[in-house]
N, C-alpha and C. Protein backbone atom coordinates (compact mmCIF):
# COMPACT_ATOMS: atom_id res chain seq x y z
N MET A 1 3.54 -3.22 -24.93
CA MET A 1 3.47 -3.12 -23.43
C MET A 1 3.84 -1.47 -23.18
N GLY A 2 2.99 -1.09 -21.90
CA GLY A 2 3.30 0.45 -21.72
C GLY A 2 4.57 0.57 -21.36
N THR A 3 4.56 2.12 -21.21
CA THR A 3 6.04 2.35 -20.61
C THR A 3 6.32 2.35 -19.28
N GLN A 4 7.44 1.77 -18.25
CA GLN A 4 7.26 2.05 -16.83
C GLN A 4 7.76 3.51 -16.06
N ARG A 5 6.65 3.50 -15.36
CA ARG A 5 6.92 4.69 -14.78
C ARG A 5 7.44 4.60 -13.61
N HIS A 6 8.53 5.35 -13.12
CA HIS A 6 8.67 5.49 -11.66
C HIS A 6 7.97 5.81 -10.85
N MET A 7 8.03 5.05 -9.69
CA MET A 7 7.35 5.68 -8.77
C MET A 7 8.22 5.87 -7.37
N ALA A 8 8.08 7.08 -6.70
CA ALA A 8 9.03 6.94 -5.29
C ALA A 8 8.26 6.56 -3.94
N ILE A 9 8.91 5.91 -3.36
CA ILE A 9 8.46 5.22 -2.14
C ILE A 9 9.45 5.67 -0.83
N ASP A 10 8.48 6.67 0.01
CA ASP A 10 9.38 6.74 1.66
C ASP A 10 8.91 6.20 2.58
N THR A 11 10.05 5.54 3.02
CA THR A 11 9.78 5.13 4.21
C THR A 11 10.24 5.44 5.55
N LYS A 12 9.40 5.45 6.73
CA LYS A 12 10.18 5.72 8.06
C LYS A 12 9.54 5.25 9.02
N ASP A 13 10.04 5.33 10.27
CA ASP A 13 9.47 4.81 11.65
C ASP A 13 8.94 5.90 12.54
N GLU A 14 7.58 5.69 12.59
CA GLU A 14 7.26 6.67 13.32
C GLU A 14 6.31 5.96 14.62
N ALA A 15 6.69 6.31 15.72
CA ALA A 15 6.20 5.71 16.84
C ALA A 15 6.06 4.23 16.88
N GLY A 16 6.79 3.53 16.06
CA GLY A 16 6.50 1.96 16.79
C GLY A 16 6.11 1.22 14.97
N GLN A 17 5.46 2.14 14.13
CA GLN A 17 4.76 1.67 13.31
C GLN A 17 5.58 2.27 11.94
N VAL A 18 5.88 1.61 11.06
CA VAL A 18 6.33 1.97 9.64
C VAL A 18 5.41 2.56 8.68
N VAL A 19 6.09 3.55 7.85
CA VAL A 19 5.35 4.36 7.29
C VAL A 19 5.94 4.53 6.12
N VAL A 20 5.01 3.69 4.82
CA VAL A 20 5.40 3.62 3.51
C VAL A 20 4.69 4.69 2.55
N ALA A 21 5.30 5.26 1.86
CA ALA A 21 4.70 6.62 1.52
C ALA A 21 4.91 6.79 0.00
N PRO A 22 4.10 6.11 -0.92
CA PRO A 22 4.51 6.14 -2.26
C PRO A 22 4.12 7.58 -2.70
N ARG A 23 4.31 7.51 -4.03
CA ARG A 23 4.22 9.17 -4.84
C ARG A 23 3.92 8.87 -5.92
N GLY A 24 2.58 9.24 -6.61
CA GLY A 24 2.65 8.76 -8.02
C GLY A 24 1.60 7.79 -8.26
N GLU A 25 1.44 7.35 -9.40
CA GLU A 25 0.64 6.37 -9.79
C GLU A 25 0.95 4.92 -9.25
N ILE A 26 0.34 4.19 -9.26
CA ILE A 26 0.82 2.70 -8.63
C ILE A 26 -0.06 1.91 -9.62
N ASP A 27 0.26 1.37 -10.45
CA ASP A 27 -0.37 0.42 -11.72
C ASP A 27 0.66 -0.79 -12.38
N TYR A 28 0.25 -1.49 -13.17
CA TYR A 28 0.93 -2.59 -13.63
C TYR A 28 2.78 -2.55 -13.98
N GLY A 29 2.62 -1.12 -14.29
CA GLY A 29 4.32 -0.99 -14.77
C GLY A 29 5.03 -0.66 -13.70
N ASN A 30 4.85 -0.12 -12.89
CA ASN A 30 5.37 -0.18 -11.55
C ASN A 30 5.47 -0.60 -9.89
N VAL A 31 4.45 -1.34 -10.16
CA VAL A 31 4.33 -1.98 -8.87
C VAL A 31 5.16 -2.81 -7.88
N ALA A 32 5.98 -3.42 -8.51
CA ALA A 32 6.91 -4.08 -8.23
C ALA A 32 7.85 -3.35 -7.29
N ASN A 33 8.11 -2.19 -7.11
CA ASN A 33 8.52 -1.56 -6.11
C ASN A 33 7.62 -1.53 -5.18
N LEU A 34 6.70 -1.20 -4.75
CA LEU A 34 5.91 -1.42 -3.91
C LEU A 34 5.59 -2.76 -3.30
N ARG A 35 5.37 -3.72 -4.11
CA ARG A 35 5.10 -5.50 -3.55
C ARG A 35 6.88 -5.32 -2.86
N THR A 36 8.03 -5.45 -3.62
CA THR A 36 9.02 -5.71 -3.07
C THR A 36 9.49 -4.42 -1.75
N THR A 37 9.11 -3.55 -1.58
CA THR A 37 9.09 -2.82 -0.15
C THR A 37 8.52 -3.20 0.71
N LEU A 38 6.78 -3.74 0.53
CA LEU A 38 5.95 -3.93 1.41
C LEU A 38 6.47 -5.66 1.94
N LEU A 39 6.81 -6.48 0.78
CA LEU A 39 7.46 -7.64 1.39
C LEU A 39 8.55 -7.51 2.25
N ARG A 40 9.72 -6.66 1.96
CA ARG A 40 10.70 -6.55 2.68
C ARG A 40 10.32 -6.28 4.07
N LEU A 41 9.14 -5.13 4.39
CA LEU A 41 8.96 -4.57 5.64
C LEU A 41 8.25 -5.68 6.62
N SER A 42 7.58 -6.77 5.88
CA SER A 42 6.65 -7.59 6.23
C SER A 42 7.84 -9.01 6.80
N SER A 43 8.64 -8.73 6.31
CA SER A 43 9.50 -9.97 6.90
C SER A 43 10.47 -9.46 7.89
N GLU A 44 10.74 -8.15 8.02
CA GLU A 44 11.81 -7.54 8.97
C GLU A 44 10.87 -7.27 10.61
N ASN A 45 9.68 -7.17 10.55
CA ASN A 45 8.82 -6.79 11.77
C ASN A 45 7.48 -7.16 11.58
N SER A 46 6.52 -7.43 13.07
CA SER A 46 5.35 -7.72 13.02
C SER A 46 4.68 -6.95 13.47
N ASN A 47 4.93 -5.89 13.51
CA ASN A 47 4.04 -4.35 14.04
C ASN A 47 3.57 -3.89 12.72
N ASP A 48 2.63 -2.91 13.03
CA ASP A 48 2.08 -2.66 12.03
C ASP A 48 2.40 -1.79 11.02
N VAL A 49 2.07 -1.70 9.83
CA VAL A 49 2.73 -1.14 8.38
C VAL A 49 1.63 0.18 8.04
N VAL A 50 1.81 1.28 7.95
CA VAL A 50 0.84 2.49 7.33
C VAL A 50 1.04 2.42 6.01
N VAL A 51 0.48 2.41 5.12
CA VAL A 51 0.34 2.95 4.05
C VAL A 51 -0.01 4.19 3.33
N ASP A 52 0.82 5.02 3.78
CA ASP A 52 -0.05 6.65 3.38
C ASP A 52 -0.09 7.08 2.05
N LEU A 53 -1.28 6.95 1.62
CA LEU A 53 -2.01 7.06 -0.02
C LEU A 53 -2.04 8.70 -0.44
N ARG A 54 -1.62 9.66 0.49
CA ARG A 54 -1.85 11.05 0.28
C ARG A 54 -1.44 11.47 -1.34
N HIS A 55 -0.45 11.19 -1.28
CA HIS A 55 0.88 11.35 -2.62
C HIS A 55 0.28 10.30 -3.95
N VAL A 56 -0.66 9.49 -3.84
CA VAL A 56 -1.25 8.62 -4.92
C VAL A 56 -2.27 9.10 -5.58
N SER A 57 -2.38 9.30 -6.82
CA SER A 57 -3.15 9.77 -7.39
C SER A 57 -4.01 8.42 -8.43
N PHE A 58 -3.73 7.03 -8.47
CA PHE A 58 -4.17 6.30 -9.06
C PHE A 58 -3.78 5.43 -8.70
N ILE A 59 -4.65 3.88 -8.69
CA ILE A 59 -4.06 2.64 -8.57
C ILE A 59 -4.83 1.40 -9.26
N ASP A 60 -4.17 0.84 -9.85
CA ASP A 60 -5.25 -0.11 -10.48
C ASP A 60 -5.12 -1.29 -9.94
N SER A 61 -5.54 -2.73 -10.29
CA SER A 61 -6.32 -3.83 -9.85
C SER A 61 -4.98 -4.58 -9.37
N THR A 62 -3.46 -4.40 -9.99
CA THR A 62 -2.28 -5.05 -9.61
C THR A 62 -1.82 -4.48 -8.08
N ALA A 63 -1.95 -3.26 -8.04
CA ALA A 63 -1.77 -2.11 -7.02
C ALA A 63 -2.50 -2.72 -5.86
N LEU A 64 -3.65 -3.24 -5.96
CA LEU A 64 -4.73 -3.32 -4.96
C LEU A 64 -4.59 -4.87 -4.82
N SER A 65 -4.58 -5.41 -5.28
CA SER A 65 -3.66 -6.93 -5.11
C SER A 65 -2.61 -6.92 -4.39
N VAL A 66 -1.47 -6.63 -4.67
CA VAL A 66 -0.45 -5.94 -3.51
C VAL A 66 -0.61 -5.43 -2.31
N LEU A 67 -1.34 -4.96 -2.15
CA LEU A 67 -2.10 -4.55 -1.11
C LEU A 67 -2.64 -5.26 -0.44
N ILE A 68 -3.46 -6.03 -1.09
CA ILE A 68 -4.46 -7.24 -0.15
C ILE A 68 -3.30 -8.14 0.21
N GLN A 69 -2.28 -8.54 -0.53
CA GLN A 69 -1.51 -9.65 -0.13
C GLN A 69 -0.26 -9.02 0.89
N ALA A 70 -0.54 -7.88 1.08
CA ALA A 70 0.63 -7.59 2.05
C ALA A 70 -0.48 -7.42 3.61
N ARG A 71 -1.78 -6.94 3.21
CA ARG A 71 -2.35 -7.42 4.49
C ARG A 71 -2.73 -8.39 5.11
N GLN A 72 -2.67 -9.75 4.28
CA GLN A 72 -2.72 -11.08 4.70
C GLN A 72 -1.53 -11.17 5.22
N ARG A 73 -0.62 -10.92 5.08
CA ARG A 73 0.90 -11.51 5.22
C ARG A 73 1.03 -10.93 6.52
N MET A 74 0.86 -9.48 6.41
CA MET A 74 0.72 -8.70 8.08
C MET A 74 0.09 -9.29 9.25
N SER A 75 -1.24 -9.67 8.47
CA SER A 75 -2.16 -10.26 9.50
C SER A 75 -1.78 -11.51 10.08
N GLY A 76 -0.95 -12.55 9.24
CA GLY A 76 -0.65 -13.73 9.73
C GLY A 76 0.91 -13.53 10.71
N LEU A 77 1.41 -12.24 10.38
CA LEU A 77 2.33 -12.39 11.44
C LEU A 77 1.69 -11.28 12.97
N GLY A 78 0.69 -11.18 13.07
CA GLY A 78 -0.06 -10.52 14.33
C GLY A 78 0.04 -8.93 13.84
N GLY A 79 0.26 -8.21 12.71
CA GLY A 79 0.18 -7.10 12.70
C GLY A 79 -0.87 -6.56 12.04
N ARG A 80 -0.82 -5.17 11.50
CA ARG A 80 -1.78 -4.70 10.41
C ARG A 80 -1.42 -4.14 9.16
N LEU A 81 -1.80 -3.94 8.38
CA LEU A 81 -1.78 -3.24 7.23
C LEU A 81 -2.85 -2.04 6.97
N ILE A 82 -2.20 -0.79 7.07
CA ILE A 82 -3.47 0.40 7.39
C ILE A 82 -3.38 1.30 6.41
N LEU A 83 -4.64 1.70 5.93
CA LEU A 83 -4.17 2.68 4.40
C LEU A 83 -4.66 3.93 4.87
N ILE A 84 -4.18 4.97 4.88
CA ILE A 84 -4.66 6.45 5.16
C ILE A 84 -3.91 7.37 4.16
N GLY A 85 -5.28 8.38 4.22
CA GLY A 85 -5.16 9.45 3.28
C GLY A 85 -5.30 9.04 1.88
N ALA A 86 -6.61 8.30 1.29
CA ALA A 86 -6.58 7.77 0.03
C ALA A 86 -7.26 9.00 -0.46
N GLN A 87 -6.94 9.48 -1.57
CA GLN A 87 -7.18 10.83 -2.44
C GLN A 87 -8.47 10.19 -2.95
N PRO A 88 -9.35 11.39 -3.78
CA PRO A 88 -10.75 10.87 -4.31
C PRO A 88 -10.72 9.40 -4.96
N ARG A 89 -10.27 9.61 -6.24
CA ARG A 89 -10.02 8.36 -6.99
C ARG A 89 -9.13 7.10 -6.40
N VAL A 90 -8.34 6.98 -5.10
CA VAL A 90 -8.09 5.85 -5.01
C VAL A 90 -9.24 5.39 -4.18
N ALA A 91 -9.80 6.26 -3.32
CA ALA A 91 -10.74 6.10 -2.54
C ALA A 91 -12.02 5.44 -3.40
N ARG A 92 -12.12 5.70 -4.37
CA ARG A 92 -13.37 5.42 -5.35
C ARG A 92 -12.95 3.92 -5.47
N VAL A 93 -11.74 3.51 -6.19
CA VAL A 93 -11.37 2.23 -6.37
C VAL A 93 -11.63 1.38 -5.27
N LEU A 94 -10.98 1.42 -4.11
CA LEU A 94 -11.32 0.99 -3.07
C LEU A 94 -12.88 0.39 -2.48
N GLN A 95 -13.57 1.81 -2.50
CA GLN A 95 -15.01 1.72 -2.49
C GLN A 95 -15.62 0.89 -3.50
N ILE A 96 -15.45 1.13 -4.67
CA ILE A 96 -16.03 0.37 -6.05
C ILE A 96 -15.88 -1.63 -5.72
N THR A 97 -14.71 -1.64 -4.95
CA THR A 97 -14.13 -3.29 -5.20
C THR A 97 -14.65 -3.49 -3.65
N GLY A 98 -15.13 -2.62 -3.14
CA GLY A 98 -15.61 -3.54 -1.62
C GLY A 98 -14.29 -3.51 -0.58
N MET A 99 -13.11 -2.95 -1.28
CA MET A 99 -11.82 -3.09 -0.27
C MET A 99 -12.10 -2.24 0.96
N GLU A 100 -12.69 -0.98 0.75
CA GLU A 100 -12.37 -0.35 1.83
C GLU A 100 -12.53 -0.51 3.30
N SER A 101 -13.04 -1.33 3.57
CA SER A 101 -13.47 -1.78 4.67
C SER A 101 -12.57 -3.19 5.22
N TYR A 102 -12.01 -3.72 4.17
CA TYR A 102 -11.07 -5.13 4.01
C TYR A 102 -9.92 -4.07 4.92
N PHE A 103 -9.28 -2.83 4.80
CA PHE A 103 -8.16 -2.45 5.35
C PHE A 103 -8.06 -1.48 6.54
N THR A 104 -7.64 -1.77 7.50
CA THR A 104 -8.10 -0.57 8.88
C THR A 104 -7.39 0.40 8.76
N ALA A 105 -8.53 1.10 9.23
CA ALA A 105 -8.22 2.72 8.72
C ALA A 105 -8.15 3.53 10.09
N ASP A 106 -7.58 4.09 10.51
CA ASP A 106 -7.21 5.09 11.71
C ASP A 106 -7.49 6.46 11.84
């Protein structure tokens, strides 16, 4: 098995939206941190959650799955999961998988 890499996640409230800002690569080895953060936020409120991907250099299929599950949870609660700032490598994963249009982007 691979080594688990640390991924920092900052969260803040901006004008009624919670902004989640992970940093680094998000993959199988560290995706649990993002999953836990998004699950906690979706259970605490039904407002929009913005995931700021400006400082994410890579995502894999497990990260994409966590984002899809979070979007579904938020939608069921009347909120939205919004992805912003995807870097070229991350944007390419979203494009190749057809997920770029699945997430609301402001």
